[in-house]
Amino acid sequence: MRRLAALTLCVFCTAPVLADEKTPPASVKITAESDARTVIRGIPDDAATERFEALAADGRIVSYVGLAAGPVGGVVFREGRLLGTLTRPQADMFYSCRGYATARHQHWAQEAGRWVDSLLAAAQPAPEIELHFTGKTTLKSIKAVLEDPGRGQVKALVEMGTNPLKIIKTLSKARKDLRKREFDEEMLEELDKLVPGDAEQRLAAVLRPQDLTFVEHGIVMAYPAYSVEYFVTQDKIQSLQQPSFLHLARMRPAVFYAPAMAWSSCVPDKWLAAVQAPAAE
């Protein structure tokens, strides 16, 4: 039987591929000439905790990828070029604090400018970086928190057996799945063209939100099927993020937990100081 592999959808990928058609890299070297989106796409899902792009207070685009393991906790880009890195404690705190804010119905992207400015202040400048990946999936990795869209189809083929009617039914479903995959690829290609600062109408023209949440300073347009969310304010995209923190806050808030955490410090102006001296409330 032809071997099938899982299909993972993400807005930072140019197009979904079968896992056995592309082996994830064991390492990635980032230099001052590296393009942010190209690098972020190259980080395997089991090695990343999150990927996002957002507008800083000065209107420049900041890109970030959190890393699931290793001494480097995250990599920061500004205007598409490498800026620096976060330590492991810093990246963990940045992740947990923004998740905490989102879980308390104060979605972090409502203050994206302040959070991003604090990220820029925390980043240690680095002219180049080389990241090495273990291939092991950790609790907070994107691979661990996202559902596997290919699981159901693989299960159906394995359980198909020799019943002719079941074969026909399964093959019919496979044709429908193929059409859906083609549609998904088209949607991903269009979503991938969007960047912070683009008009809300441009996003809506590509695809209406699959989930919508109204918050005090904007709206969260989420696409669970594509594991991405957009925060829109004043008719413009302020940030885009994978995976959706909104859905994690609803369904799996435990991924944001950190022991002995000073949760009251989880605001843009204080989270960095909490890294050096965390304390239980």
Protein backbone atom coordinates (compact mmCIF):
# COMPACT_ATOMS: atom_id res chain seq x y z
CA MET A 1 0.00 0.00 0.00
CA ARG A 2 1.25 3.43 -0.85
CA ARG A 3 2.47 5.09 2.30
CA LEU A 4 0.48 8.15 3.35
CA ALA A 5 1.66 10.95 5.59
CA ALA A 6 -0.04 13.68 7.56
CA LEU A 7 -0.80 17.04 6.04
CA THR A 8 -0.17 20.13 8.16
CA LEU A 9 -1.66 23.45 7.10
CA CYS A 10 -0.05 26.76 7.97
CA VAL A 11 -0.16 30.28 6.66
CA PHE A 12 3.63 30.55 6.83
CA CYS A 13 3.99 27.65 4.39
CA THR A 14 3.93 28.29 0.66
CA ALA A 15 1.88 25.12 0.09
CA PRO A 16 1.11 21.99 2.11
CA VAL A 17 3.09 18.91 1.15
CA LEU A 18 3.13 15.26 2.13
CA ALA A 19 5.65 14.78 4.91
CA ASP A 20 7.48 12.01 3.06
CA GLU A 21 8.02 14.36 0.10
CA LYS A 22 10.04 16.79 2.19
CA THR A 23 12.30 15.87 5.09
CA PRO A 24 12.42 18.57 7.80
CA PRO A 25 15.87 20.14 8.10
CA ALA A 26 18.16 19.13 10.97
CA SER A 27 19.46 22.69 11.23
CA VAL A 28 18.89 26.19 9.87
CA LYS A 29 21.49 28.94 9.52
CA ILE A 30 20.22 32.51 9.74
CA THR A 31 22.31 35.46 8.58
CA ALA A 32 21.78 39.17 8.15
CA GLU A 33 20.74 38.47 4.55
CA SER A 34 18.14 35.83 5.42
CA ASP A 35 14.49 36.57 4.68
CA ALA A 36 12.24 36.33 7.74
CA ARG A 37 9.37 34.45 6.12
CA THR A 38 11.68 32.01 4.38
CA VAL A 39 13.39 31.24 7.69
CA ILE A 40 10.14 30.92 9.61
CA ARG A 41 8.74 28.54 7.00
CA GLY A 42 11.89 26.46 7.37
CA ILE A 43 11.45 25.83 11.11
CA PRO A 44 9.76 22.41 11.55
CA ASP A 45 6.45 22.37 13.42
CA ASP A 46 7.90 20.11 16.10
CA ALA A 47 10.69 22.65 16.71
CA ALA A 48 8.50 25.78 16.92
CA THR A 49 6.01 26.94 19.55
CA GLU A 50 4.59 29.84 17.54
CA ARG A 51 5.11 32.05 14.53
CA PHE A 52 3.75 35.57 14.18
CA GLU A 53 4.06 38.87 12.36
CA ALA A 54 2.86 42.13 13.88
CA LEU A 55 3.20 45.87 13.57
CA ALA A 56 5.45 47.61 16.07
CA ALA A 57 4.43 51.00 17.45
CA ASP A 58 6.40 52.71 14.67
CA GLY A 59 4.54 50.76 11.98
CA ARG A 60 7.40 48.44 11.03
CA ILE A 61 6.72 44.71 10.64
CA VAL A 62 8.26 42.46 13.28
CA SER A 63 8.39 38.69 12.74
CA TYR A 64 9.01 36.14 15.46
CA VAL A 65 9.37 32.38 15.81
CA GLY A 66 9.42 30.76 19.23
CA LEU A 67 11.51 27.61 19.58
CA ALA A 68 10.43 24.54 21.50
CA ALA A 69 13.85 23.42 22.76
CA GLY A 70 17.48 24.48 22.97
CA PRO A 71 19.33 27.49 24.44
CA VAL A 72 17.83 29.92 21.91
CA GLY A 73 14.23 30.53 22.91
CA GLY A 74 13.13 32.61 19.96
CA VAL A 75 14.33 34.53 16.92
CA VAL A 76 13.27 38.12 16.18
CA PHE A 77 13.20 39.82 12.78
CA ARG A 78 12.45 43.43 11.89
CA GLU A 79 11.38 44.42 8.40
CA GLY A 80 12.22 40.92 7.20
CA ARG A 81 15.81 40.84 8.50
CA LEU A 82 17.41 39.19 11.53
CA LEU A 83 17.49 41.39 14.63
CA GLY A 84 18.36 39.05 17.50
CA THR A 85 17.31 36.25 19.83
CA LEU A 86 15.53 35.60 23.11
CA THR A 87 16.91 33.31 25.81
CA ARG A 88 14.91 30.24 26.78
CA PRO A 89 13.46 31.86 29.97
CA GLN A 90 12.56 35.02 28.04
CA ALA A 91 10.78 33.13 25.26
CA ASP A 92 8.86 30.96 27.73
CA MET A 93 7.74 34.03 29.67
CA PHE A 94 6.78 35.91 26.50
CA TYR A 95 4.66 32.92 25.40
CA SER A 96 2.98 32.31 28.76
CA CYS A 97 2.21 35.96 29.47
CA ARG A 98 0.56 36.57 26.11
CA GLY A 99 -1.41 33.35 26.50
CA TYR A 100 -2.49 34.43 29.98
CA ALA A 101 -3.70 37.79 28.65
CA THR A 102 -5.60 36.07 25.84
CA ALA A 103 -7.20 33.53 28.19
CA ARG A 104 -8.45 36.43 30.34
CA HIS A 105 -10.31 37.80 27.30
CA GLN A 106 -7.71 40.51 26.77
CA HIS A 107 -6.26 39.16 23.54
CA TRP A 108 -2.58 40.09 23.48
CA ALA A 109 -2.77 41.57 19.98
CA GLN A 110 -4.99 44.37 21.27
CA GLU A 111 -1.70 45.77 22.54
CA ALA A 112 0.45 44.24 19.82
CA GLY A 113 2.48 47.42 19.39
CA ARG A 114 3.53 47.45 23.05
CA TRP A 115 4.18 43.71 23.19
CA VAL A 116 6.28 43.86 20.03
CA ASP A 117 8.24 46.87 21.28
CA SER A 118 9.02 44.96 24.48
CA LEU A 119 10.12 42.02 22.33
CA LEU A 120 12.51 44.26 20.39
CA ALA A 121 13.90 45.60 23.67
CA ALA A 122 14.49 42.07 24.95
CA ALA A 123 16.20 40.71 21.84
CA GLN A 124 19.96 40.27 22.09
CA PRO A 125 21.52 41.40 18.78
CA ALA A 126 22.93 38.55 16.71
CA PRO A 127 24.70 38.87 13.33
CA GLU A 128 23.95 35.23 12.55
CA ILE A 129 22.53 32.12 14.22
CA GLU A 130 22.59 28.41 13.57
CA LEU A 131 19.69 26.41 15.00
CA HIS A 132 19.78 22.65 15.47
CA PHE A 133 16.61 20.56 15.75
CA THR A 134 16.21 17.30 17.64
CA GLY A 135 13.10 16.09 15.82
CA LYS A 136 11.35 15.50 19.15
CA THR A 137 7.89 16.99 19.67
CA THR A 138 7.52 18.89 22.94
CA LEU A 139 4.35 19.86 24.79
CA LYS A 140 4.17 23.41 23.46
CA SER A 141 5.33 22.77 19.89
CA ILE A 142 3.03 23.69 17.04
CA LYS A 143 2.92 20.05 16.02
CA ALA A 144 1.71 19.03 19.48
CA VAL A 145 -1.06 21.62 19.78
CA LEU A 146 -2.51 21.36 16.28
CA GLU A 147 -4.84 18.60 15.18
CA ASP A 148 -3.53 16.36 12.45
CA PRO A 149 -5.82 16.86 9.40
CA GLY A 150 -4.56 13.67 7.78
CA ARG A 151 -5.26 11.33 10.69
CA GLY A 152 -8.87 10.53 9.75
CA GLN A 153 -8.05 9.62 6.15
CA VAL A 154 -5.10 7.43 7.13
CA LYS A 155 -7.31 5.62 9.65
CA ALA A 156 -10.02 5.11 7.02
CA LEU A 157 -7.58 3.54 4.57
CA VAL A 158 -6.03 1.29 7.21
CA GLU A 159 -9.47 0.04 8.31
CA MET A 160 -10.79 -0.30 4.76
CA GLY A 161 -10.16 -4.06 4.65
CA THR A 162 -11.51 -6.10 1.73
CA ASN A 163 -15.18 -5.13 1.84
CA PRO A 164 -15.95 -3.87 -1.73
CA LEU A 165 -18.67 -1.46 -0.60
CA LYS A 166 -16.40 0.03 2.02
CA ILE A 167 -13.67 0.45 -0.60
CA ILE A 168 -16.05 2.39 -2.87
CA LYS A 169 -17.19 4.57 0.02
CA THR A 170 -13.62 5.27 1.11
CA LEU A 171 -12.42 6.07 -2.41
CA SER A 172 -15.35 8.43 -2.87
CA LYS A 173 -14.33 10.22 0.33
CA ALA A 174 -10.74 10.35 -0.95
CA ARG A 175 -11.89 12.20 -4.09
CA LYS A 176 -13.75 14.73 -1.93
CA ASP A 177 -10.69 15.08 0.26
CA LEU A 178 -8.55 15.74 -2.81
CA ARG A 179 -10.88 18.55 -3.92
CA LYS A 180 -10.77 20.00 -0.40
CA ARG A 181 -6.98 19.79 -0.40
CA GLU A 182 -6.83 21.69 -3.70
CA PHE A 183 -9.15 24.33 -2.22
CA ASP A 184 -7.01 24.51 0.93
CA GLU A 185 -3.87 24.99 -1.15
CA GLU A 186 -5.49 27.86 -3.04
CA MET A 187 -6.62 29.50 0.21
CA LEU A 188 -3.18 29.11 1.77
CA GLU A 189 -1.53 30.66 -1.25
CA GLU A 190 -3.78 33.71 -0.97
CA LEU A 191 -3.57 33.97 2.83
CA ASP A 192 0.21 33.74 2.59
CA LYS A 193 0.30 36.96 0.59
CA LEU A 194 -1.23 38.97 3.44
CA VAL A 195 0.98 40.97 5.81
CA PRO A 196 0.31 43.26 8.79
CA GLY A 197 -0.95 46.60 7.55
CA ASP A 198 -3.12 45.11 4.79
CA ALA A 199 -6.78 46.07 4.72
CA GLU A 200 -9.38 43.96 6.49
CA GLN A 201 -11.37 43.84 3.23
CA ARG A 202 -8.47 42.13 1.50
CA LEU A 203 -8.48 39.36 4.10
CA ALA A 204 -12.26 38.98 3.96
CA ALA A 205 -12.11 38.80 0.16
CA VAL A 206 -9.82 35.76 0.40
CA LEU A 207 -11.91 33.94 2.99
CA ARG A 208 -14.62 34.88 5.46
CA PRO A 209 -13.59 34.14 9.06
CA GLN A 210 -14.36 30.65 10.32
CA ASP A 211 -14.51 32.04 13.84
CA LEU A 212 -14.93 35.64 14.93
CA THR A 213 -14.42 37.25 18.32
CA PHE A 214 -15.16 40.87 19.11
CA VAL A 215 -12.77 42.45 21.60
CA GLU A 216 -12.53 45.96 22.99
CA HIS A 217 -10.10 47.32 20.44
CA GLY A 218 -10.78 45.19 17.37
CA ILE A 219 -11.76 41.75 16.15
CA VAL A 220 -10.02 38.40 15.96
CA MET A 221 -10.62 36.68 12.62
CA ALA A 222 -9.64 33.05 13.16
CA TYR A 223 -9.26 30.19 10.69
CA PRO A 224 -8.96 26.96 12.72
CA ALA A 225 -8.77 24.85 9.55
CA TYR A 226 -5.59 26.71 8.61
CA SER A 227 -4.25 27.06 12.16
CA VAL A 228 -3.97 30.84 11.95
CA GLU A 229 -5.66 33.96 13.32
CA TYR A 230 -5.60 37.63 12.34
CA PHE A 231 -6.16 40.53 14.70
CA VAL A 232 -7.83 43.43 12.92
CA THR A 233 -8.16 46.96 14.24
CA GLN A 234 -9.15 50.18 12.46
CA ASP A 235 -9.88 48.14 9.32
CA LYS A 236 -6.29 46.86 9.08
CA ILE A 237 -4.47 43.66 9.98
CA GLN A 238 -2.39 44.34 13.09
CA SER A 239 -1.01 40.83 13.51
CA LEU A 240 -1.20 37.26 12.21
CA GLN A 241 -0.29 34.25 14.28
CA GLN A 242 0.06 30.48 14.15
CA PRO A 243 -1.25 28.64 16.06
CA SER A 244 -4.30 30.64 17.09
CA PHE A 245 -3.83 31.79 20.69
CA LEU A 246 -7.57 32.44 20.81
CA HIS A 247 -8.33 28.75 20.25
CA LEU A 248 -5.55 27.58 22.55
CA ALA A 249 -6.91 29.85 25.30
CA ARG A 250 -10.33 28.26 24.85
CA MET A 251 -9.39 24.62 24.34
CA ARG A 252 -5.90 24.09 25.80
CA PRO A 253 -5.03 26.94 28.21
CA ALA A 254 -2.72 24.59 30.14
CA VAL A 255 -0.04 25.07 27.44
CA PHE A 256 0.44 28.59 28.80
CA TYR A 257 1.02 27.43 32.38
CA ALA A 258 4.37 28.09 34.07
CA PRO A 259 5.09 27.13 37.71
CA ALA A 260 5.54 29.80 40.39
CA MET A 261 4.54 32.46 37.90
CA ALA A 262 3.93 36.10 38.85
CA TRP A 263 0.90 36.37 36.60
CA SER A 264 0.29 39.98 37.62
CA SER A 265 3.53 40.82 35.78
CA CYS A 266 2.12 39.58 32.48
CA VAL A 267 1.79 42.97 30.82
CA PRO A 268 3.98 44.47 28.07
CA ASP A 269 5.91 46.70 30.47
CA LYS A 270 6.65 44.07 33.14
CA TRP A 271 6.98 40.58 31.66
CA LEU A 272 10.67 40.98 30.91
CA ALA A 273 11.51 41.91 34.50
CA ALA A 274 9.56 38.87 35.70
CA VAL A 275 12.04 36.63 33.86
CA GLN A 276 14.80 37.51 36.32
CA ALA A 277 12.69 37.30 39.45
CA PRO A 278 9.52 35.22 39.09
CA ALA A 279 7.46 34.86 42.20
CA ALA A 280 4.22 33.12 43.10
CA GLU A 281 1.28 35.38 43.70
